[in-house]
Each structure stands twice: as C-alpha cells, then as structure tokens.
PDB file of N, CA and C in Angstrom:
ATOM      1  N   MET A   1     123.938  83.087 118.234  1.00  0.00           N
ATOM      2  CA  MET A   1     124.556  82.883 119.528  1.00  0.00           C
ATOM      3  C   MET A   1     123.789  83.670 120.589  1.00  0.00           C
ATOM      4  N   SER A   2     123.622  83.085 121.735  1.00  0.00           N
ATOM      5  CA  SER A   2     122.886  83.715 122.819  1.00  0.00           C
ATOM      6  C   SER A   2     123.677  84.880 123.408  1.00  0.00           C
ATOM      7  N   GLU A   3     122.937  85.904 123.878  1.00  0.00           N
ATOM      8  CA  GLU A   3     123.582  87.042 124.526  1.00  0.00           C
ATOM      9  C   GLU A   3     123.959  86.726 125.960  1.00  0.00           C
ATOM     10  N   GLU A   4     123.465  85.633 126.485  1.00  0.00           N
ATOM     11  CA  GLU A   4     123.773  85.264 127.851  1.00  0.00           C
ATOM     12  C   GLU A   4     125.109  84.534 127.899  1.00  0.00           C
ATOM     13  N   THR A   5     125.845  84.748 128.962  1.00  0.00           N
ATOM     14  CA  THR A   5     127.139  84.096 129.106  1.00  0.00           C
ATOM     15  C   THR A   5     126.965  82.702 129.678  1.00  0.00           C
ATOM     16  N   ALA A   6     127.966  81.864 129.443  1.00  0.00           N
ATOM     17  CA  ALA A   6     127.927  80.497 129.958  1.00  0.00           C
ATOM     18  C   ALA A   6     128.052  80.485 131.474  1.00  0.00           C
ATOM     19  N   ASN A   7     128.769  81.462 132.029  1.00  0.00           N
ATOM     20  CA  ASN A   7     128.982  81.556 133.475  1.00  0.00           C
ATOM     21  C   ASN A   7     128.446  82.893 133.971  1.00  0.00           C
ATOM     22  N   PRO A   8     127.142  82.971 134.213  1.00  0.00           N
ATOM     23  CA  PRO A   8     126.570  84.259 134.638  1.00  0.00           C
ATOM     24  C   PRO A   8     127.131  84.716 135.982  1.00  0.00           C
ATOM     25  N   LEU A   9     127.214  86.021 136.133  1.00  0.00           N
ATOM     26  CA  LEU A   9     127.650  86.636 137.374  1.00  0.00           C
ATOM     27  C   LEU A   9     126.417  87.286 137.996  1.00  0.00           C
ATOM     28  N   ILE A  10     125.862  86.657 139.022  1.00  0.00           N
ATOM     29  CA  ILE A  10     124.603  87.079 139.618  1.00  0.00           C
ATOM     30  C   ILE A  10     124.868  87.933 140.868  1.00  0.00           C
ATOM     31  N   VAL A  11     124.305  89.146 140.875  1.00  0.00           N
ATOM     32  CA  VAL A  11     124.375  90.032 142.034  1.00  0.00           C
ATOM     33  C   VAL A  11     122.951  90.442 142.362  1.00  0.00           C
ATOM     34  N   GLU A  12     122.481  90.066 143.536  1.00  0.00           N
ATOM     35  CA  GLU A  12     121.115  90.347 143.984  1.00  0.00           C
ATOM     36  C   GLU A  12     120.078  89.961 142.927  1.00  0.00           C
ATOM     37  N   GLY A  13     120.271  88.793 142.330  1.00  0.00           N
ATOM     38  CA  GLY A  13     119.310  88.253 141.371  1.00  0.00           C
ATOM     39  C   GLY A  13     119.433  88.795 139.959  1.00  0.00           C
ATOM     40  N   VAL A  14     120.451  89.618 139.681  1.00  0.00           N
ATOM     41  CA  VAL A  14     120.634  90.199 138.352  1.00  0.00           C
ATOM     42  C   VAL A  14     121.932  89.684 137.749  1.00  0.00           C
ATOM     43  N   ASP A  15     121.840  89.181 136.518  1.00  0.00           N
ATOM     44  CA  ASP A  15     123.025  88.710 135.811  1.00  0.00           C
ATOM     45  C   ASP A  15     123.773  89.919 135.262  1.00  0.00           C
ATOM     46  N   ILE A  16     124.800  90.369 135.991  1.00  0.00           N
ATOM     47  CA  ILE A  16     125.523  91.571 135.568  1.00  0.00           C
ATOM     48  C   ILE A  16     126.532  91.288 134.462  1.00  0.00           C
ATOM     49  N   SER A  17     126.645  90.049 134.046  1.00  0.00           N
ATOM     50  CA  SER A  17     127.531  89.726 132.928  1.00  0.00           C
ATOM     51  C   SER A  17     126.772  89.726 131.607  1.00  0.00           C
ATOM     52  N   HIS A  18     125.475  89.931 131.649  1.00  0.00           N
ATOM     53  CA  HIS A  18     124.651  89.919 130.441  1.00  0.00           C
ATOM     54  C   HIS A  18     125.054  91.078 129.536  1.00  0.00           C
ATOM     55  N   SER A  19     125.227  90.824 128.249  1.00  0.00           N
ATOM     56  CA  SER A  19     125.736  91.838 127.323  1.00  0.00           C
ATOM     57  C   SER A  19     124.812  93.044 127.162  1.00  0.00           C
ATOM     58  N   ARG A  20     123.523  92.884 127.362  1.00  0.00           N
ATOM     59  CA  ARG A  20     122.596  94.012 127.205  1.00  0.00           C
ATOM     60  C   ARG A  20     122.650  94.968 128.386  1.00  0.00           C
ATOM     61  N   LEU A  21     123.238  94.558 129.474  1.00  0.00           N
ATOM     62  CA  LEU A  21     123.329  95.421 130.650  1.00  0.00           C
ATOM     63  C   LEU A  21     124.128  96.685 130.339  1.00  0.00           C
ATOM     64  N   VAL A  22     125.163  96.567 129.522  1.00  0.00           N
ATOM     65  CA  VAL A  22     125.954  97.738 129.132  1.00  0.00           C
ATOM     66  C   VAL A  22     125.078  98.729 128.376  1.00  0.00           C
ATOM     67  N   ASP A  23     124.266  98.233 127.435  1.00  0.00           N
ATOM     68  CA  ASP A  23     123.358  99.105 126.688  1.00  0.00           C
ATOM     69  C   ASP A  23     122.374  99.808 127.618  1.00  0.00           C
ATOM     70  N   LEU A  24     121.835  99.078 128.577  1.00  0.00           N
ATOM     71  CA  LEU A  24     120.891  99.672 129.525  1.00  0.00           C
ATOM     72  C   LEU A  24     121.566 100.719 130.410  1.00  0.00           C
ATOM     73  N   THR A  25     122.796 100.471 130.778  1.00  0.00           N
ATOM     74  CA  THR A  25     123.544 101.432 131.588  1.00  0.00           C
ATOM     75  C   THR A  25     123.754 102.725 130.822  1.00  0.00           C
ATOM     76  N   LEU A  26     124.112 102.630 129.552  1.00  0.00           N
ATOM     77  CA  LEU A  26     124.303 103.823 128.721  1.00  0.00           C
ATOM     78  C   LEU A  26     122.997 104.601 128.577  1.00  0.00           C
ATOM     79  N   LEU A  27     121.901 103.896 128.391  1.00  0.00           N
ATOM     80  CA  LEU A  27     120.594 104.540 128.281  1.00  0.00           C
ATOM     81  C   LEU A  27     120.233 105.253 129.591  1.00  0.00           C
ATOM     82  N   ALA A  28     120.471 104.600 130.692  1.00  0.00           N
ATOM     83  CA  ALA A  28     120.162 105.192 131.997  1.00  0.00           C
ATOM     84  C   ALA A  28     120.990 106.446 132.250  1.00  0.00           C
ATOM     85  N   ASP A  29     122.202 106.498 131.726  1.00  0.00           N
ATOM     86  CA  ASP A  29     123.052 107.679 131.891  1.00  0.00           C
ATOM     87  C   ASP A  29     122.432 108.919 131.266  1.00  0.00           C
ATOM     88  N   HIS A  30     121.582 108.727 130.254  1.00  0.00           N
ATOM     89  CA  HIS A  30     120.964 109.853 129.555  1.00  0.00           C
ATOM     90  C   HIS A  30     119.575 110.197 130.087  1.00  0.00           C
ATOM     91  N   ALA A  31     119.058 109.410 130.983  1.00  0.00           N
ATOM     92  CA  ALA A  31     117.680 109.587 131.457  1.00  0.00           C
ATOM     93  C   ALA A  31     117.468 110.929 132.141  1.00  0.00           C
ATOM     94  N   GLN A  32     118.370 111.347 133.011  1.00  0.00           N
ATOM     95  CA  GLN A  32     118.196 112.599 133.740  1.00  0.00           C
ATOM     96  C   GLN A  32     118.210 113.795 132.791  1.00  0.00           C
ATOM     97  N   ALA A  33     119.131 113.799 131.837  1.00  0.00           N
ATOM     98  CA  ALA A  33     119.197 114.902 130.869  1.00  0.00           C
ATOM     99  C   ALA A  33     117.913 114.972 130.046  1.00  0.00           C
ATOM    100  N   PHE A  34     117.383 113.835 129.649  1.00  0.00           N
ATOM    101  CA  PHE A  34     116.136 113.809 128.876  1.00  0.00           C
ATOM    102  C   PHE A  34     114.974 114.317 129.723  1.00  0.00           C
ATOM    103  N   TYR A  35     114.888 113.878 130.968  1.00  0.00           N
ATOM    104  CA  TYR A  35     113.834 114.318 131.878  1.00  0.00           C
ATOM    105  C   TYR A  35     113.891 115.834 132.063  1.00  0.00           C
ATOM    106  N   GLU A  36     115.084 116.368 132.257  1.00  0.00           N
ATOM    107  CA  GLU A  36     115.242 117.812 132.425  1.00  0.00           C
ATOM    108  C   GLU A  36     114.833 118.568 131.164  1.00  0.00           C
ATOM    109  N   TRP A  37     115.155 118.012 129.994  1.00  0.00           N
ATOM    110  CA  TRP A  37     114.778 118.655 128.728  1.00  0.00           C
ATOM    111  C   TRP A  37     113.252 118.667 128.582  1.00  0.00           C
ATOM    112  N   VAL A  38     112.602 117.544 128.846  1.00  0.00           N
ATOM    113  CA  VAL A  38     111.136 117.470 128.750  1.00  0.00           C
ATOM    114  C   VAL A  38     110.509 118.463 129.730  1.00  0.00           C
ATOM    115  N   THR A  39     111.021 118.505 130.944  1.00  0.00           N
ATOM    116  CA  THR A  39     110.507 119.436 131.949  1.00  0.00           C
ATOM    117  C   THR A  39     110.635 120.876 131.463  1.00  0.00           C
ATOM    118  N   SER A  40     111.792 121.244 130.942  1.00  0.00           N
ATOM    119  CA  SER A  40     111.996 122.624 130.492  1.00  0.00           C
ATOM    120  C   SER A  40     111.090 122.976 129.321  1.00  0.00           C
ATOM    121  N   ARG A  41     110.836 122.023 128.431  1.00  0.00           N
ATOM    122  CA  ARG A  41     109.931 122.279 127.299  1.00  0.00           C
ATOM    123  C   ARG A  41     108.514 122.541 127.793  1.00  0.00           C
ATOM    124  N   PHE A  42     108.015 121.732 128.707  1.00  0.00           N
ATOM    125  CA  PHE A  42     106.670 121.941 129.254  1.00  0.00           C
ATOM    126  C   PHE A  42     106.597 123.270 129.995  1.00  0.00           C
ATOM    127  N   GLN A  43     107.619 123.581 130.786  1.00  0.00           N
ATOM    128  CA  GLN A  43     107.618 124.838 131.519  1.00  0.00           C
ATOM    129  C   GLN A  43     107.610 126.029 130.570  1.00  0.00           C
ATOM    130  N   LEU A  44     108.382 125.953 129.502  1.00  0.00           N
ATOM    131  CA  LEU A  44     108.456 127.046 128.533  1.00  0.00           C
ATOM    132  C   LEU A  44     107.142 127.219 127.787  1.00  0.00           C
ATOM    133  N   VAL A  45     106.619 126.146 127.261  1.00  0.00           N
ATOM    134  CA  VAL A  45     105.394 126.212 126.455  1.00  0.00           C
ATOM    135  C   VAL A  45     104.195 126.624 127.292  1.00  0.00           C
ATOM    136  N   LEU A  46     104.073 126.067 128.483  1.00  0.00           N
ATOM    137  CA  LEU A  46     102.908 126.349 129.325  1.00  0.00           C
ATOM    138  C   LEU A  46     103.143 127.501 130.300  1.00  0.00           C
ATOM    139  N   LYS A  47     104.341 128.059 130.254  1.00  0.00           N
ATOM    140  CA  LYS A  47     104.696 129.209 131.096  1.00  0.00           C
ATOM    141  C   LYS A  47     104.428 128.927 132.576  1.00  0.00           C
ATOM    142  N   ARG A  48     104.958 127.793 133.032  1.00  0.00           N
ATOM    143  CA  ARG A  48     104.832 127.389 134.436  1.00  0.00           C
ATOM    144  C   ARG A  48     106.196 126.968 134.949  1.00  0.00           C
ATOM    145  N   LYS A  49     106.472 127.276 136.173  1.00  0.00           N
ATOM    146  CA  LYS A  49     107.725 126.869 136.807  1.00  0.00           C
ATOM    147  C   LYS A  49     107.457 125.802 137.867  1.00  0.00           C
ATOM    148  N   LYS A  50     106.649 124.838 137.512  1.00  0.00           N
ATOM    149  CA  LYS A  50     106.319 123.739 138.420  1.00  0.00           C
ATOM    150  C   LYS A  50     107.120 122.504 138.014  1.00  0.00           C
ATOM    151  N   SER A  51     107.047 121.463 138.815  1.00  0.00           N
ATOM    152  CA  SER A  51     107.691 120.203 138.454  1.00  0.00           C
ATOM    153  C   SER A  51     106.930 119.567 137.296  1.00  0.00           C
ATOM    154  N   LEU A  52     107.599 118.716 136.551  1.00  0.00           N
ATOM    155  CA  LEU A  52     106.939 118.034 135.434  1.00  0.00           C
ATOM    156  C   LEU A  52     105.751 117.222 135.937  1.00  0.00           C
ATOM    157  N   ASN A  53     105.909 116.572 137.058  1.00  0.00           N
ATOM    158  CA  ASN A  53     104.824 115.788 137.636  1.00  0.00           C
ATOM    159  C   ASN A  53     103.581 116.650 137.878  1.00  0.00           C
ATOM    160  N   GLU A  54     103.770 117.814 138.478  1.00  0.00           N
ATOM    161  CA  GLU A  54     102.640 118.699 138.761  1.00  0.00           C
ATOM    162  C   GLU A  54     102.026 119.245 137.471  1.00  0.00           C
ATOM    163  N   ILE A  55     102.870 119.603 136.526  1.00  0.00           N
ATOM    164  CA  ILE A  55     102.360 120.102 135.240  1.00  0.00           C
ATOM    165  C   ILE A  55     101.497 119.039 134.569  1.00  0.00           C
ATOM    166  N   LEU A  56     101.985 117.810 134.510  1.00  0.00           N
ATOM    167  CA  LEU A  56     101.239 116.735 133.845  1.00  0.00           C
ATOM    168  C   LEU A  56      99.941 116.402 134.576  1.00  0.00           C
ATOM    169  N   GLN A  57      99.953 116.485 135.886  1.00  0.00           N
ATOM    170  CA  GLN A  57      98.746 116.181 136.651  1.00  0.00           C
ATOM    171  C   GLN A  57      97.676 117.250 136.493  1.00  0.00           C
ATOM    172  N   LYS A  58      98.095 118.507 136.315  1.00  0.00           N
ATOM    173  CA  LYS A  58      97.133 119.607 136.304  1.00  0.00           C
ATOM    174  C   LYS A  58      96.843 120.183 134.930  1.00  0.00           C
ATOM    175  N   ALA A  59      97.584 119.788 133.913  1.00  0.00           N
ATOM    176  CA  ALA A  59      97.387 120.350 132.574  1.00  0.00           C
ATOM    177  C   ALA A  59      96.059 119.882 131.977  1.00  0.00           C
ATOM    178  N   SER A  60      95.402 120.801 131.295  1.00  0.00           N
ATOM    179  CA  SER A  60      94.158 120.453 130.606  1.00  0.00           C
ATOM    180  C   SER A  60      94.497 119.759 129.270  1.00  0.00           C
ATOM    181  N   ARG A  61      93.489 119.209 128.637  1.00  0.00           N
ATOM    182  CA  ARG A  61      93.701 118.597 127.320  1.00  0.00           C
ATOM    183  C   ARG A  61      94.217 119.616 126.312  1.00  0.00           C
ATOM    184  N   ASP A  62      93.677 120.827 126.365  1.00  0.00           N
ATOM    185  CA  ASP A  62      94.126 121.882 125.449  1.00  0.00           C
ATOM    186  C   ASP A  62      95.591 122.223 125.676  1.00  0.00           C
ATOM    187  N   GLU A  63      95.999 122.281 126.936  1.00  0.00           N
ATOM    188  CA  GLU A  63      97.402 122.573 127.234  1.00  0.00           C
ATOM    189  C   GLU A  63      98.318 121.447 126.765  1.00  0.00           C
ATOM    190  N   MET A  64      97.882 120.221 126.926  1.00  0.00           N
ATOM    191  CA  MET A  64      98.682 119.092 126.461  1.00  0.00           C
ATOM    192  C   MET A  64      98.798 119.107 124.936  1.00  0.00           C
ATOM    193  N   ALA A  65      97.733 119.460 124.255  1.00  0.00           N
ATOM    194  CA  ALA A  65      97.750 119.554 122.794  1.00  0.00           C
ATOM    195  C   ALA A  65      98.686 120.674 122.357  1.00  0.00           C
ATOM    196  N   LEU A  66      98.670 121.782 123.088  1.00  0.00           N
ATOM    197  CA  LEU A  66      99.555 122.898 122.787  1.00  0.00           C
ATOM    198  C   LEU A  66     101.001 122.467 122.909  1.00  0.00           C
ATOM    199  N   SER A  67     101.329 121.767 123.972  1.00  0.00           N
ATOM    200  CA  SER A  67     102.710 121.341 124.183  1.00  0.00           C
ATOM    201  C   SER A  67     103.119 120.310 123.140  1.00  0.00           C
ATOM    202  N   GLU A  68     102.188 119.491 122.674  1.00  0.00           N
ATOM    203  CA  GLU A  68     102.475 118.495 121.652  1.00  0.00           C
ATOM    204  C   GLU A  68     102.768 119.151 120.311  1.00  0.00           C
ATOM    205  N   ASN A  69     102.077 120.250 120.003  1.00  0.00           N
ATOM    206  CA  ASN A  69     102.229 120.915 118.723  1.00  0.00           C
ATOM    207  C   ASN A  69     103.408 121.892 118.684  1.00  0.00           C
ATOM    208  N   GLU A  70     103.971 122.202 119.836  1.00  0.00           N
ATOM    209  CA  GLU A  70     105.079 123.162 119.925  1.00  0.00           C
ATOM    210  C   GLU A  70     106.347 122.530 119.365  1.00  0.00           C
ATOM    211  N   LYS A  71     107.065 123.243 118.545  1.00  0.00           N
ATOM    212  CA  LYS A  71     108.316 122.753 117.958  1.00  0.00           C
ATOM    213  C   LYS A  71     109.500 123.385 118.680  1.00  0.00           C
ATOM    214  N   GLY A  72     110.611 122.636 118.728  1.00  0.00           N
ATOM    215  CA  GLY A  72     111.804 123.241 119.316  1.00  0.00           C
ATOM    216  C   GLY A  72     112.730 122.315 119.964  1.00  0.00           C
TER     217      GLY A  72
END
C-alpha cells in the first residue's frame, strides 16, 4: 500500500498528510541537540571555544583525525 493518501493536503507545495512527514518532524526535533553535542565534542577535543562552522573550516587534517579517533 502506498504511503501517500488518496486526498493529499497540500500547503505551499508540500503534502502535509504524507505519513513520512511525522517521521521527519521527529527527526528534526532532535537536530539541534545533535548539533550541540557535535559542537561540544569538537570544542572539547580540539580545546577551542569557537563555533562548529569555524572549527571545521580552520581545522587541519591532523586535528580532524584527532577528533575522529576521540571516544566519548
């Protein structure tokens, strides 16, 4: 059976009655917490209090390898 409904409810071009939308909403609810966790791990391992964006832009290959190998 298709996940799409027989009578879609379209809002600004998006079928908000689609059954997978609920799953995507739940995933999006966790995105900020995950981003904050990743940021804190990079800051801890690399001993920097910068934004994740700045850390990723300026980190060397060795620093990225260090953060990849760090457990926790």
